[in-house]
Structure formats: C-alpha cells, structure tokens
C-alpha cells in the first residue's frame, strides 16, 4: 500500500508542475481593449539619429480581451489573412498591405516625423494590430528606406508578466548615397499559384500595379504568355518601389520582396466552387512555393491540462491493477 501511495504522490507532483504553467500563462490577465496606448518609433543609423523621417501607422485589426483580432473595415476587401500569424508571416503581411494602402489612399490612424533625436512618439492609440509605414528619408548625403512592419499592442513583458501598452519599435532600413544615378535598377514580379487542386479557378491574367514613392508608375498584365512574370529594367535609383495586385476572386494574396523580386503568391480561399471547366488552363509554375509558415496564437493552456489528465489516468489504472493483486 505504501508503494501505491508513493507512486500516486509522484504523479500528483508531476501534474502540479505541469499545470502550474497555466497560472504563469494567465497571470498577465485579460487585455484592456480601451486602454490608451502608444508607439515610440526609433529611427537611427547606428548611433546617428535620422530626423524628419515621416511615419504613418494604420490600425488594421482590433483586439479583444483574449487576444483575438477583428479586421477593420478598410482592410476587409484586400483578401489577405491577418489573424493567427507569427513574426515572419507578419513581415510578409506588411509588405502585402503596403501596396493596397498606397493604392486606396487609406488615411492613417496617426502620423508624424522623427525629431532631432530620431524618435517619433505617437500616443492616444488603442490596443490592436498596427502597420507602420515610413516614407523615403533624406539625411547627411544618404536616402533611407525603412522596412514596413506590423506590431501588436499590447505586448507581453516576459520579465514582469504584464501587458505593455506603450511599445517601442526600431524599423530595419536600407540606404543609398544621395548622388546622381549613373544607371538604372531593376524590379521584378513573379506570380506563384498555391492552388494545385483547383487550377480551373485561375484567371487568364492578373493585373499588377507598380508604385513609385506612393504614386502609380506602371500597370502590367501577368499571364501564361509571359510565364506569370515581368521585369522593369529602367527604374531610377533613390525611390521606394512597391506593387499591388488586383486579387482574383476566390483567392487571398501575399506579396514578399526578395532582393529585387516581388514574389506574389495567390492561395485558394475558403469558398470552393463544386465544379470547374472540363479543360482548365494550367499555367506553368515558375518556381516551387515556399514552405508553409507555422501559425502561432493558439491557446496554450489546454496542453498542460491534457498532459496532466493523461498522467492521472495512467496512474489510476496502475493503482487499480496493483490493487487487484494485493491482499
């Protein structure tokens, strides 16, 4: 009997250790959805502040007290997937939404310029998912291009295990010397279809817009005839080049810039027609699609509970079996 008690005590201790993660995970409490929040943008080249750099922030999704996102009305028609993402997927999402914000001339939630210290503080915001978009900045003989990013308010302070409603962001950047261009640069666009089971949904062609510093520069058609790709080979240096796509019905879109190439991926949506044409037009697939990114954001608390329950059942069965042999 003493052996049974020892075994039971051991398994109970294990369950307590695993289930203690529930308290840690939930200690931060619910999100205060109306709490006044802020974003501090720090834009510096090493230790050198970059002043007068313009930034705009856009609230693309509200957040509820449990951390679930609800897409704002201005972004519902862009056929992009916003919720349940990790940091890498948010980077792609930011690149995708930038072109649509420019194309549709969506008004920012807040905007401003960095001061002499290279810092811009935007206050009076509410919790949610924000896109931060910077314009081309000129300083000390260089042209700076900040990377478009997506951030969440609030973030979890791991050390204190509390929600932080005043966040700081240091956008990544690239730069070129402010000299007369001695030539041209290239930008390419490559279409990837992520719809192997439903090729009959693909349109005959798609429309892509190229923007230069926020203004439309060119519009091209991609189709099987040009192998779903295009190259602009005479673009001036020192400008911010962005693209957007007129998304075909039934698809979502992701736009990611890899070097000089915009990789434009259309994935099948949730509503699939039951039948398609007998002879679908299957375009050649230029390159294999990128591996799918894992999604985060799921609730973590069931894991230790289920794990602990499993151990408890095993222990109970063991005890019952031992009890049947002891007199």
C-alpha atoms as a PDB file:
ATOM      1  CA  UNK A   1       0.000   0.000   0.000  1.00  0.00           C
ATOM      2  CA  UNK A   2       2.877   2.334   0.794  1.00  0.00           C
ATOM      3  CA  UNK A   3       4.250   1.737  -2.704  1.00  0.00           C
ATOM      4  CA  UNK A   4       0.923   2.767  -4.207  1.00  0.00           C
ATOM      5  CA  UNK A   5       0.875   5.965  -2.139  1.00  0.00           C
ATOM      6  CA  UNK A   6       4.396   6.839  -3.238  1.00  0.00           C
ATOM      7  CA  UNK A   7       3.546   6.318  -6.900  1.00  0.00           C
ATOM      8  CA  UNK A   8       0.375   8.358  -6.578  1.00  0.00           C
ATOM      9  CA  UNK A   9       2.275  11.192  -4.825  1.00  0.00           C
ATOM     10  CA  UNK A  10       4.883  11.198  -7.578  1.00  0.00           C
ATOM     11  CA  UNK A  11       2.326  11.515 -10.377  1.00  0.00           C
ATOM     12  CA  UNK A  12       0.416  14.180  -8.436  1.00  0.00           C
ATOM     13  CA  UNK A  13       3.613  16.227  -8.109  1.00  0.00           C
ATOM     14  CA  UNK A  14       4.235  15.931 -11.861  1.00  0.00           C
ATOM     15  CA  UNK A  15       0.700  17.134 -12.600  1.00  0.00           C
ATOM     16  CA  UNK A  16       1.132  20.128 -10.283  1.00  0.00           C
ATOM     17  CA  UNK A  17       4.396  21.120 -12.014  1.00  0.00           C
ATOM     18  CA  UNK A  18       2.861  20.977 -15.497  1.00  0.00           C
ATOM     19  CA  UNK A  19      -0.372  22.649 -14.503  1.00  0.00           C
ATOM     20  CA  UNK A  20       1.493  25.473 -12.791  1.00  0.00           C
ATOM     21  CA  UNK A  21       2.171  26.728 -16.337  1.00  0.00           C
ATOM     22  CA  UNK A  22      -1.489  27.696 -16.516  1.00  0.00           C
ATOM     23  CA  UNK A  23      -1.023  30.247 -13.735  1.00  0.00           C
ATOM     24  CA  UNK A  24       2.108  31.681 -15.403  1.00  0.00           C
ATOM     25  CA  UNK A  25       0.412  31.895 -18.797  1.00  0.00           C
ATOM     26  CA  UNK A  26      -2.708  33.592 -17.498  1.00  0.00           C
ATOM     27  CA  UNK A  27      -1.135  35.820 -14.857  1.00  0.00           C
ATOM     28  CA  UNK A  28      -0.988  38.797 -17.212  1.00  0.00           C
ATOM     29  CA  UNK A  29      -4.783  38.827 -17.229  1.00  0.00           C
ATOM     30  CA  UNK A  30      -7.148  39.969 -19.941  1.00  0.00           C
ATOM     31  CA  UNK A  31      -6.258  42.769 -22.347  1.00  0.00           C
ATOM     32  CA  UNK A  32      -7.745  46.181 -21.591  1.00  0.00           C
ATOM     33  CA  UNK A  33      -9.179  46.932 -25.009  1.00  0.00           C
ATOM     34  CA  UNK A  34      -9.818  50.634 -24.335  1.00  0.00           C
ATOM     35  CA  UNK A  35      -6.569  51.443 -22.538  1.00  0.00           C
ATOM     36  CA  UNK A  36      -4.708  54.433 -24.005  1.00  0.00           C
ATOM     37  CA  UNK A  37      -1.568  53.176 -25.747  1.00  0.00           C
ATOM     38  CA  UNK A  38       1.422  54.498 -27.669  1.00  0.00           C
ATOM     39  CA  UNK A  39       4.082  53.567 -30.215  1.00  0.00           C
ATOM     40  CA  UNK A  40       7.599  55.013 -29.996  1.00  0.00           C
ATOM     41  CA  UNK A  41       9.412  54.772 -33.354  1.00  0.00           C
ATOM     42  CA  UNK A  42      13.220  54.947 -33.082  1.00  0.00           C
ATOM     43  CA  UNK A  43      14.900  55.594 -36.447  1.00  0.00           C
ATOM     44  CA  UNK A  44      18.679  55.750 -36.290  1.00  0.00           C
ATOM     45  CA  UNK A  45      21.651  54.745 -38.421  1.00  0.00           C
ATOM     46  CA  UNK A  46      23.678  53.093 -35.687  1.00  0.00           C
ATOM     47  CA  UNK A  47      24.027  55.860 -33.114  1.00  0.00           C
ATOM     48  CA  UNK A  48      23.228  58.600 -35.649  1.00  0.00           C
ATOM     49  CA  UNK A  49      19.617  59.861 -35.383  1.00  0.00           C
ATOM     50  CA  UNK A  50      17.727  60.359 -38.649  1.00  0.00           C
ATOM     51  CA  UNK A  51      15.499  63.433 -38.204  1.00  0.00           C
ATOM     52  CA  UNK A  52      12.424  64.471 -40.206  1.00  0.00           C
ATOM     53  CA  UNK A  53      11.666  60.885 -41.262  1.00  0.00           C
ATOM     54  CA  UNK A  54       7.914  60.570 -41.853  1.00  0.00           C
ATOM     55  CA  UNK A  55       5.990  57.597 -40.461  1.00  0.00           C
ATOM     56  CA  UNK A  56       2.314  56.660 -40.582  1.00  0.00           C
ATOM     57  CA  UNK A  57       0.584  53.974 -38.534  1.00  0.00           C
ATOM     58  CA  UNK A  58      -2.592  52.146 -39.514  1.00  0.00           C
ATOM     59  CA  UNK A  59      -4.883  50.185 -37.207  1.00  0.00           C
ATOM     60  CA  UNK A  60      -5.589  47.116 -39.333  1.00  0.00           C
ATOM     61  CA  UNK A  61      -7.329  44.986 -36.692  1.00  0.00           C
ATOM     62  CA  UNK A  62      -8.929  45.454 -33.279  1.00  0.00           C
ATOM     63  CA  UNK A  63      -8.019  43.051 -30.479  1.00  0.00           C
ATOM     64  CA  UNK A  64     -10.376  41.661 -27.857  1.00  0.00           C
ATOM     65  CA  UNK A  65      -9.609  40.888 -24.217  1.00  0.00           C
ATOM     66  CA  UNK A  66      -8.471  37.347 -25.125  1.00  0.00           C
ATOM     67  CA  UNK A  67      -6.142  38.449 -27.931  1.00  0.00           C
ATOM     68  CA  UNK A  68      -8.384  37.652 -30.918  1.00  0.00           C
ATOM     69  CA  UNK A  69      -8.177  40.025 -33.897  1.00  0.00           C
ATOM     70  CA  UNK A  70     -11.078  41.566 -35.846  1.00  0.00           C
ATOM     71  CA  UNK A  71     -10.086  43.108 -39.180  1.00  0.00           C
ATOM     72  CA  UNK A  72     -11.000  46.763 -39.638  1.00  0.00           C
ATOM     73  CA  UNK A  73     -13.421  47.726 -42.372  1.00  0.00           C
ATOM     74  CA  UNK A  74     -10.763  49.481 -44.501  1.00  0.00           C
ATOM     75  CA  UNK A  75      -8.813  46.210 -44.830  1.00  0.00           C
ATOM     76  CA  UNK A  76     -11.573  43.614 -45.228  1.00  0.00           C
ATOM     77  CA  UNK A  77     -11.611  43.742 -49.036  1.00  0.00           C
ATOM     78  CA  UNK A  78      -7.893  43.058 -49.601  1.00  0.00           C
ATOM     79  CA  UNK A  79      -8.165  39.241 -49.436  1.00  0.00           C
ATOM     80  CA  UNK A  80      -5.265  38.846 -47.031  1.00  0.00           C
ATOM     81  CA  UNK A  81      -5.003  36.618 -43.978  1.00  0.00           C
ATOM     82  CA  UNK A  82      -4.369  38.674 -40.853  1.00  0.00           C
ATOM     83  CA  UNK A  83      -5.090  36.558 -37.777  1.00  0.00           C
ATOM     84  CA  UNK A  84      -3.065  33.747 -36.228  1.00  0.00           C
ATOM     85  CA  UNK A  85       0.313  34.809 -37.577  1.00  0.00           C
ATOM     86  CA  UNK A  86       3.882  34.688 -36.356  1.00  0.00           C
ATOM     87  CA  UNK A  87       6.532  37.399 -36.769  1.00  0.00           C
ATOM     88  CA  UNK A  88       7.795  36.181 -40.154  1.00  0.00           C
ATOM     89  CA  UNK A  89       4.292  35.951 -41.589  1.00  0.00           C
ATOM     90  CA  UNK A  90       3.543  39.459 -40.290  1.00  0.00           C
ATOM     91  CA  UNK A  91       6.571  40.717 -42.219  1.00  0.00           C
ATOM     92  CA  UNK A  92       5.067  39.314 -45.428  1.00  0.00           C
ATOM     93  CA  UNK A  93       1.658  40.716 -44.489  1.00  0.00           C
ATOM     94  CA  UNK A  94       3.181  44.175 -44.017  1.00  0.00           C
ATOM     95  CA  UNK A  95       4.760  44.029 -47.477  1.00  0.00           C
ATOM     96  CA  UNK A  96       1.425  42.918 -48.931  1.00  0.00           C
ATOM     97  CA  UNK A  97      -0.703  45.608 -47.317  1.00  0.00           C
ATOM     98  CA  UNK A  98       1.681  48.459 -48.130  1.00  0.00           C
ATOM     99  CA  UNK A  99       0.721  48.487 -51.806  1.00  0.00           C
ATOM    100  CA  UNK A 100      -3.000  48.459 -51.045  1.00  0.00           C
ATOM    101  CA  UNK A 101      -2.707  51.294 -48.542  1.00  0.00           C
ATOM    102  CA  UNK A 102      -0.952  53.363 -51.194  1.00  0.00           C
ATOM    103  CA  UNK A 103      -3.340  52.348 -53.979  1.00  0.00           C
ATOM    104  CA  UNK A 104      -6.507  53.029 -51.980  1.00  0.00           C
ATOM    105  CA  UNK A 105      -5.059  56.119 -50.259  1.00  0.00           C
ATOM    106  CA  UNK A 106      -6.197  54.897 -46.834  1.00  0.00           C
ATOM    107  CA  UNK A 107      -5.950  57.565 -44.142  1.00  0.00           C
ATOM    108  CA  UNK A 108      -3.503  56.720 -41.338  1.00  0.00           C
ATOM    109  CA  UNK A 109      -4.582  56.325 -37.734  1.00  0.00           C
ATOM    110  CA  UNK A 110      -1.678  58.575 -36.697  1.00  0.00           C
ATOM    111  CA  UNK A 111       1.383  60.097 -38.355  1.00  0.00           C
ATOM    112  CA  UNK A 112       4.354  62.343 -37.714  1.00  0.00           C
ATOM    113  CA  UNK A 113       8.090  62.988 -38.193  1.00  0.00           C
ATOM    114  CA  UNK A 114      11.073  61.962 -36.123  1.00  0.00           C
ATOM    115  CA  UNK A 115      12.738  64.711 -34.089  1.00  0.00           C
ATOM    116  CA  UNK A 116      16.403  65.620 -33.868  1.00  0.00           C
ATOM    117  CA  UNK A 117      16.901  62.525 -31.702  1.00  0.00           C
ATOM    118  CA  UNK A 118      15.448  60.256 -34.397  1.00  0.00           C
ATOM    119  CA  UNK A 119      12.391  59.447 -32.267  1.00  0.00           C
ATOM    120  CA  UNK A 120       8.682  59.795 -33.034  1.00  0.00           C
ATOM    121  CA  UNK A 121       6.146  59.192 -30.245  1.00  0.00           C
ATOM    122  CA  UNK A 122       2.572  58.509 -31.338  1.00  0.00           C
ATOM    123  CA  UNK A 123       0.205  58.461 -28.377  1.00  0.00           C
ATOM    124  CA  UNK A 124      -3.554  58.301 -27.909  1.00  0.00           C
ATOM    125  CA  UNK A 125      -3.785  54.931 -29.680  1.00  0.00           C
ATOM    126  CA  UNK A 126      -5.894  51.919 -28.693  1.00  0.00           C
ATOM    127  CA  UNK A 127      -4.876  48.248 -28.459  1.00  0.00           C
ATOM    128  CA  UNK A 128      -4.833  46.365 -31.746  1.00  0.00           C
ATOM    129  CA  UNK A 129      -2.708  45.280 -34.697  1.00  0.00           C
ATOM    130  CA  UNK A 130      -0.869  48.144 -36.403  1.00  0.00           C
ATOM    131  CA  UNK A 131       1.079  48.586 -39.627  1.00  0.00           C
ATOM    132  CA  UNK A 132       3.935  51.117 -39.527  1.00  0.00           C
ATOM    133  CA  UNK A 133       4.800  52.663 -42.896  1.00  0.00           C
ATOM    134  CA  UNK A 134       7.708  55.038 -43.437  1.00  0.00           C
ATOM    135  CA  UNK A 135       8.407  57.281 -46.410  1.00  0.00           C
ATOM    136  CA  UNK A 136      11.764  57.897 -48.073  1.00  0.00           C
ATOM    137  CA  UNK A 137      14.028  59.931 -45.783  1.00  0.00           C
ATOM    138  CA  UNK A 138      16.983  62.091 -46.858  1.00  0.00           C
ATOM    139  CA  UNK A 139      19.783  62.865 -44.413  1.00  0.00           C
ATOM    140  CA  UNK A 140      23.531  63.509 -44.410  1.00  0.00           C
ATOM    141  CA  UNK A 141      24.036  62.606 -48.068  1.00  0.00           C
ATOM    142  CA  UNK A 142      22.001  59.380 -47.977  1.00  0.00           C
ATOM    143  CA  UNK A 143      18.497  58.240 -48.856  1.00  0.00           C
ATOM    144  CA  UNK A 144      16.952  55.935 -46.252  1.00  0.00           C
ATOM    145  CA  UNK A 145      14.195  53.369 -46.793  1.00  0.00           C
ATOM    146  CA  UNK A 146      12.548  51.950 -43.678  1.00  0.00           C
ATOM    147  CA  UNK A 147      11.028  48.479 -43.686  1.00  0.00           C
ATOM    148  CA  UNK A 148       7.257  48.315 -43.281  1.00  0.00           C
ATOM    149  CA  UNK A 149       6.394  46.423 -40.102  1.00  0.00           C
ATOM    150  CA  UNK A 150       3.373  45.123 -38.203  1.00  0.00           C
ATOM    151  CA  UNK A 151       3.195  45.314 -34.410  1.00  0.00           C
ATOM    152  CA  UNK A 152       0.698  44.364 -31.755  1.00  0.00           C
ATOM    153  CA  UNK A 153      -0.433  46.499 -28.858  1.00  0.00           C
ATOM    154  CA  UNK A 154      -0.126  45.390 -26.115  1.00  0.00           C
ATOM    155  CA  UNK A 155       2.931  43.155 -25.955  1.00  0.00           C
ATOM    156  CA  UNK A 156       3.705  40.795 -23.102  1.00  0.00           C
ATOM    157  CA  UNK A 157       6.533  41.834 -20.773  1.00  0.00           C
ATOM    158  CA  UNK A 158       8.108  38.428 -20.120  1.00  0.00           C
ATOM    159  CA  UNK A 159      10.056  39.559 -17.050  1.00  0.00           C
ATOM    160  CA  UNK A 160       7.150  41.182 -15.231  1.00  0.00           C
ATOM    161  CA  UNK A 161       4.492  39.004 -16.923  1.00  0.00           C
ATOM    162  CA  UNK A 162       2.247  42.005 -17.571  1.00  0.00           C
ATOM    163  CA  UNK A 163       0.814  43.602 -20.698  1.00  0.00           C
ATOM    164  CA  UNK A 164       2.799  46.591 -22.011  1.00  0.00           C
ATOM    165  CA  UNK A 165       0.627  49.183 -23.778  1.00  0.00           C
ATOM    166  CA  UNK A 166       3.484  51.574 -24.614  1.00  0.00           C
ATOM    167  CA  UNK A 167       5.748  49.837 -27.130  1.00  0.00           C
ATOM    168  CA  UNK A 168       8.978  50.817 -28.885  1.00  0.00           C
ATOM    169  CA  UNK A 169       9.866  49.890 -32.475  1.00  0.00           C
ATOM    170  CA  UNK A 170      13.165  50.137 -34.355  1.00  0.00           C
ATOM    171  CA  UNK A 171      12.330  49.609 -38.049  1.00  0.00           C
ATOM    172  CA  UNK A 172      15.000  47.974 -40.175  1.00  0.00           C
ATOM    173  CA  UNK A 173      16.240  50.098 -43.058  1.00  0.00           C
ATOM    174  CA  UNK A 174      18.379  50.270 -46.177  1.00  0.00           C
ATOM    175  CA  UNK A 175      20.092  53.292 -47.721  1.00  0.00           C
ATOM    176  CA  UNK A 176      21.829  54.529 -50.857  1.00  0.00           C
ATOM    177  CA  UNK A 177      24.151  57.537 -51.403  1.00  0.00           C
ATOM    178  CA  UNK A 178      22.400  60.738 -52.440  1.00  0.00           C
ATOM    179  CA  UNK A 179      24.185  61.078 -55.785  1.00  0.00           C
ATOM    180  CA  UNK A 180      23.026  61.398 -59.349  1.00  0.00           C
ATOM    181  CA  UNK A 181      22.133  57.919 -60.598  1.00  0.00           C
ATOM    182  CA  UNK A 182      24.688  56.549 -63.023  1.00  0.00           C
ATOM    183  CA  UNK A 183      22.271  53.987 -64.384  1.00  0.00           C
ATOM    184  CA  UNK A 184      19.023  52.205 -63.632  1.00  0.00           C
ATOM    185  CA  UNK A 185      17.817  49.499 -61.290  1.00  0.00           C
ATOM    186  CA  UNK A 186      15.570  46.516 -61.921  1.00  0.00           C
ATOM    187  CA  UNK A 187      12.446  45.336 -60.165  1.00  0.00           C
ATOM    188  CA  UNK A 188      10.761  42.037 -60.994  1.00  0.00           C
ATOM    189  CA  UNK A 189       7.436  40.452 -60.163  1.00  0.00           C
ATOM    190  CA  UNK A 190       6.852  36.696 -60.042  1.00  0.00           C
ATOM    191  CA  UNK A 191       3.430  35.065 -59.682  1.00  0.00           C
ATOM    192  CA  UNK A 192       3.092  31.859 -57.628  1.00  0.00           C
ATOM    193  CA  UNK A 193      -0.161  29.875 -57.629  1.00  0.00           C
ATOM    194  CA  UNK A 194      -0.916  27.942 -54.444  1.00  0.00           C
ATOM    195  CA  UNK A 195      -3.989  26.093 -55.741  1.00  0.00           C
ATOM    196  CA  UNK A 196      -2.804  22.753 -57.127  1.00  0.00           C
ATOM    197  CA  UNK A 197      -6.188  21.069 -56.567  1.00  0.00           C
ATOM    198  CA  UNK A 198      -8.240  23.845 -58.181  1.00  0.00           C
ATOM    199  CA  UNK A 199      -6.365  25.120 -61.258  1.00  0.00           C
ATOM    200  CA  UNK A 200      -9.674  25.793 -63.003  1.00  0.00           C
ATOM    201  CA  UNK A 201     -10.165  28.806 -60.700  1.00  0.00           C
ATOM    202  CA  UNK A 202      -7.145  30.635 -62.100  1.00  0.00           C
ATOM    203  CA  UNK A 203      -7.959  33.641 -64.257  1.00  0.00           C
ATOM    204  CA  UNK A 204      -6.459  34.023 -67.717  1.00  0.00           C
ATOM    205  CA  UNK A 205      -4.469  37.022 -66.481  1.00  0.00           C
ATOM    206  CA  UNK A 206      -3.958  39.247 -63.458  1.00  0.00           C
ATOM    207  CA  UNK A 207      -3.251  42.966 -63.110  1.00  0.00           C
ATOM    208  CA  UNK A 208      -0.264  44.296 -61.146  1.00  0.00           C
ATOM    209  CA  UNK A 209       0.402  47.953 -60.313  1.00  0.00           C
ATOM    210  CA  UNK A 210       3.872  49.393 -59.636  1.00  0.00           C
ATOM    211  CA  UNK A 211       4.124  52.461 -57.372  1.00  0.00           C
ATOM    212  CA  UNK A 212       6.995  54.939 -57.081  1.00  0.00           C
ATOM    213  CA  UNK A 213       7.123  56.906 -53.819  1.00  0.00           C
ATOM    214  CA  UNK A 214       3.388  56.432 -53.311  1.00  0.00           C
ATOM    215  CA  UNK A 215       2.303  57.293 -56.870  1.00  0.00           C
ATOM    216  CA  UNK A 216       1.299  54.793 -59.555  1.00  0.00           C
ATOM    217  CA  UNK A 217       4.097  54.339 -62.085  1.00  0.00           C
ATOM    218  CA  UNK A 218       3.064  51.433 -64.321  1.00  0.00           C
ATOM    219  CA  UNK A 219       0.439  48.714 -64.739  1.00  0.00           C
ATOM    220  CA  UNK A 220       1.173  45.316 -66.285  1.00  0.00           C
ATOM    221  CA  UNK A 221      -0.683  42.090 -67.033  1.00  0.00           C
ATOM    222  CA  UNK A 222       0.705  38.707 -65.974  1.00  0.00           C
ATOM    223  CA  UNK A 223      -0.448  35.558 -67.748  1.00  0.00           C
ATOM    224  CA  UNK A 224       0.677  32.207 -69.058  1.00  0.00           C
ATOM    225  CA  UNK A 225       2.038  34.019 -72.132  1.00  0.00           C
ATOM    226  CA  UNK A 226       4.741  35.794 -70.120  1.00  0.00           C
ATOM    227  CA  UNK A 227       5.108  32.842 -67.713  1.00  0.00           C
ATOM    228  CA  UNK A 228       3.441  34.890 -64.955  1.00  0.00           C
ATOM    229  CA  UNK A 229       6.403  37.236 -64.516  1.00  0.00           C
ATOM    230  CA  UNK A 230       7.598  40.677 -65.571  1.00  0.00           C
ATOM    231  CA  UNK A 231      10.745  42.839 -65.281  1.00  0.00           C
ATOM    232  CA  UNK A 232      11.043  46.607 -65.058  1.00  0.00           C
ATOM    233  CA  UNK A 233      14.624  47.294 -66.169  1.00  0.00           C
ATOM    234  CA  UNK A 234      14.854  51.098 -66.342  1.00  0.00           C
ATOM    235  CA  UNK A 235      13.852  52.388 -62.929  1.00  0.00           C
ATOM    236  CA  UNK A 236      15.690  55.260 -61.272  1.00  0.00           C
ATOM    237  CA  UNK A 237      17.568  54.709 -58.043  1.00  0.00           C
ATOM    238  CA  UNK A 238      16.669  56.526 -54.848  1.00  0.00           C
ATOM    239  CA  UNK A 239      12.931  55.805 -54.917  1.00  0.00           C
ATOM    240  CA  UNK A 240      10.613  53.482 -52.997  1.00  0.00           C
ATOM    241  CA  UNK A 241       9.108  50.893 -55.352  1.00  0.00           C
ATOM    242  CA  UNK A 242       6.021  48.959 -54.232  1.00  0.00           C
ATOM    243  CA  UNK A 243       3.494  46.730 -56.033  1.00  0.00           C
ATOM    244  CA  UNK A 244      -0.105  45.689 -55.531  1.00  0.00           C
ATOM    245  CA  UNK A 245      -2.304  43.140 -57.274  1.00  0.00           C
ATOM    246  CA  UNK A 246      -5.955  43.183 -58.249  1.00  0.00           C
ATOM    247  CA  UNK A 247      -6.691  39.943 -56.404  1.00  0.00           C
ATOM    248  CA  UNK A 248      -8.724  37.395 -58.403  1.00  0.00           C
ATOM    249  CA  UNK A 249     -11.999  36.228 -56.909  1.00  0.00           C
ATOM    250  CA  UNK A 250     -11.701  33.248 -54.591  1.00  0.00           C
ATOM    251  CA  UNK A 251      -8.044  33.889 -53.693  1.00  0.00           C
ATOM    252  CA  UNK A 252      -6.006  35.502 -50.939  1.00  0.00           C
ATOM    253  CA  UNK A 253      -2.701  37.227 -51.640  1.00  0.00           C
ATOM    254  CA  UNK A 254       0.764  37.555 -50.090  1.00  0.00           C
ATOM    255  CA  UNK A 255       3.447  39.851 -51.513  1.00  0.00           C
ATOM    256  CA  UNK A 256       7.029  39.423 -50.359  1.00  0.00           C
ATOM    257  CA  UNK A 257      10.082  41.258 -51.675  1.00  0.00           C
ATOM    258  CA  UNK A 258      13.143  39.037 -52.065  1.00  0.00           C
ATOM    259  CA  UNK A 259      16.021  41.164 -53.304  1.00  0.00           C
ATOM    260  CA  UNK A 260      14.797  42.906 -56.452  1.00  0.00           C
ATOM    261  CA  UNK A 261      11.896  40.467 -56.959  1.00  0.00           C
ATOM    262  CA  UNK A 262       8.355  40.820 -55.650  1.00  0.00           C
ATOM    263  CA  UNK A 263       7.051  37.275 -55.101  1.00  0.00           C
ATOM    264  CA  UNK A 264       3.281  37.435 -55.409  1.00  0.00           C
ATOM    265  CA  UNK A 265       1.503  34.318 -54.065  1.00  0.00           C
ATOM    266  CA  UNK A 266      -2.192  33.673 -54.590  1.00  0.00           C
ATOM    267  CA  UNK A 267      -3.683  30.967 -52.384  1.00  0.00           C
ATOM    268  CA  UNK A 268      -7.099  29.432 -52.697  1.00  0.00           C
ATOM    269  CA  UNK A 269      -9.770  30.926 -50.447  1.00  0.00           C
ATOM    270  CA  UNK A 270     -12.305  29.169 -48.240  1.00  0.00           C
ATOM    271  CA  UNK A 271     -15.203  29.038 -50.738  1.00  0.00           C
ATOM    272  CA  UNK A 272     -14.537  26.466 -53.455  1.00  0.00           C
ATOM    273  CA  UNK A 273     -16.912  26.039 -56.425  1.00  0.00           C
ATOM    274  CA  UNK A 274     -18.008  22.377 -56.792  1.00  0.00           C
ATOM    275  CA  UNK A 275     -17.144  22.120 -60.465  1.00  0.00           C
ATOM    276  CA  UNK A 276     -14.761  23.698 -62.918  1.00  0.00           C
ATOM    277  CA  UNK A 277     -14.287  23.773 -66.683  1.00  0.00           C
ATOM    278  CA  UNK A 278     -13.518  20.475 -68.364  1.00  0.00           C
ATOM    279  CA  UNK A 279     -10.298  21.794 -69.897  1.00  0.00           C
ATOM    280  CA  UNK A 280      -8.652  24.085 -67.308  1.00  0.00           C
ATOM    281  CA  UNK A 281      -5.942  26.496 -68.344  1.00  0.00           C
ATOM    282  CA  UNK A 282      -2.991  25.335 -66.250  1.00  0.00           C
ATOM    283  CA  UNK A 283      -0.132  27.848 -66.371  1.00  0.00           C
ATOM    284  CA  UNK A 284       3.419  26.779 -65.833  1.00  0.00           C
ATOM    285  CA  UNK A 285       4.588  27.122 -62.263  1.00  0.00           C
ATOM    286  CA  UNK A 286       7.732  29.281 -62.408  1.00  0.00           C
ATOM    287  CA  UNK A 287       9.209  28.188 -59.092  1.00  0.00           C
ATOM    288  CA  UNK A 288       8.242  25.926 -56.213  1.00  0.00           C
ATOM    289  CA  UNK A 289       6.273  27.631 -53.474  1.00  0.00           C
ATOM    290  CA  UNK A 290       7.886  28.485 -50.171  1.00  0.00           C
ATOM    291  CA  UNK A 291       7.289  26.086 -47.278  1.00  0.00           C
ATOM    292  CA  UNK A 292       4.244  26.970 -45.225  1.00  0.00           C
ATOM    293  CA  UNK A 293       4.973  29.013 -42.145  1.00  0.00           C
ATOM    294  CA  UNK A 294       3.792  27.632 -38.817  1.00  0.00           C
ATOM    295  CA  UNK A 295       0.982  29.586 -37.210  1.00  0.00           C
ATOM    296  CA  UNK A 296       1.014  30.769 -33.639  1.00  0.00           C
ATOM    297  CA  UNK A 297      -1.535  32.402 -31.423  1.00  0.00           C
ATOM    298  CA  UNK A 298      -3.449  29.285 -30.381  1.00  0.00           C
ATOM    299  CA  UNK A 299      -4.396  28.911 -26.718  1.00  0.00           C
ATOM    300  CA  UNK A 300      -1.642  27.140 -24.777  1.00  0.00           C
ATOM    301  CA  UNK A 301      -3.407  26.329 -21.526  1.00  0.00           C
ATOM    302  CA  UNK A 302      -5.075  23.036 -22.674  1.00  0.00           C
ATOM    303  CA  UNK A 303      -1.655  21.420 -23.240  1.00  0.00           C
ATOM    304  CA  UNK A 304      -0.565  21.011 -19.597  1.00  0.00           C
ATOM    305  CA  UNK A 305      -4.121  20.181 -18.530  1.00  0.00           C
ATOM    306  CA  UNK A 306      -4.472  17.361 -21.047  1.00  0.00           C
ATOM    307  CA  UNK A 307      -0.949  16.172 -20.313  1.00  0.00           C
ATOM    308  CA  UNK A 308      -1.662  16.095 -16.599  1.00  0.00           C
ATOM    309  CA  UNK A 309      -5.004  14.358 -17.083  1.00  0.00           C
ATOM    310  CA  UNK A 310      -3.300  11.685 -19.154  1.00  0.00           C
ATOM    311  CA  UNK A 311      -0.747  11.044 -16.418  1.00  0.00           C
ATOM    312  CA  UNK A 312      -3.542  10.877 -13.834  1.00  0.00           C
ATOM    313  CA  UNK A 313      -5.441   8.254 -15.837  1.00  0.00           C
ATOM    314  CA  UNK A 314      -2.284   6.180 -16.262  1.00  0.00           C
ATOM    315  CA  UNK A 315      -1.632   6.387 -12.541  1.00  0.00           C
ATOM    316  CA  UNK A 316      -5.214   5.405 -11.697  1.00  0.00           C
ATOM    317  CA  UNK A 317      -5.024   2.405 -13.992  1.00  0.00           C
ATOM    318  CA  UNK A 318      -1.719   1.338 -12.487  1.00  0.00           C
ATOM    319  CA  UNK A 319      -3.079   1.638  -8.967  1.00  0.00           C
ATOM    320  CA  UNK A 320      -6.214  -0.281  -9.856  1.00  0.00           C
ATOM    321  CA  UNK A 321      -4.216  -3.059 -11.447  1.00  0.00           C
ATOM    322  CA  UNK A 322      -1.862  -3.290  -8.455  1.00  0.00           C
ATOM    323  CA  UNK A 323      -4.824  -3.225  -6.094  1.00  0.00           C
ATOM    324  CA  UNK A 324      -6.288  -6.297  -7.805  1.00  0.00           C
ATOM    325  CA  UNK A 325      -3.185  -8.365  -6.890  1.00  0.00           C
ATOM    326  CA  UNK A 326      -2.711  -7.150  -3.317  1.00  0.00           C
ATOM    327  CA  UNK A 327      -4.498  -8.923  -0.498  1.00  0.00           C
END
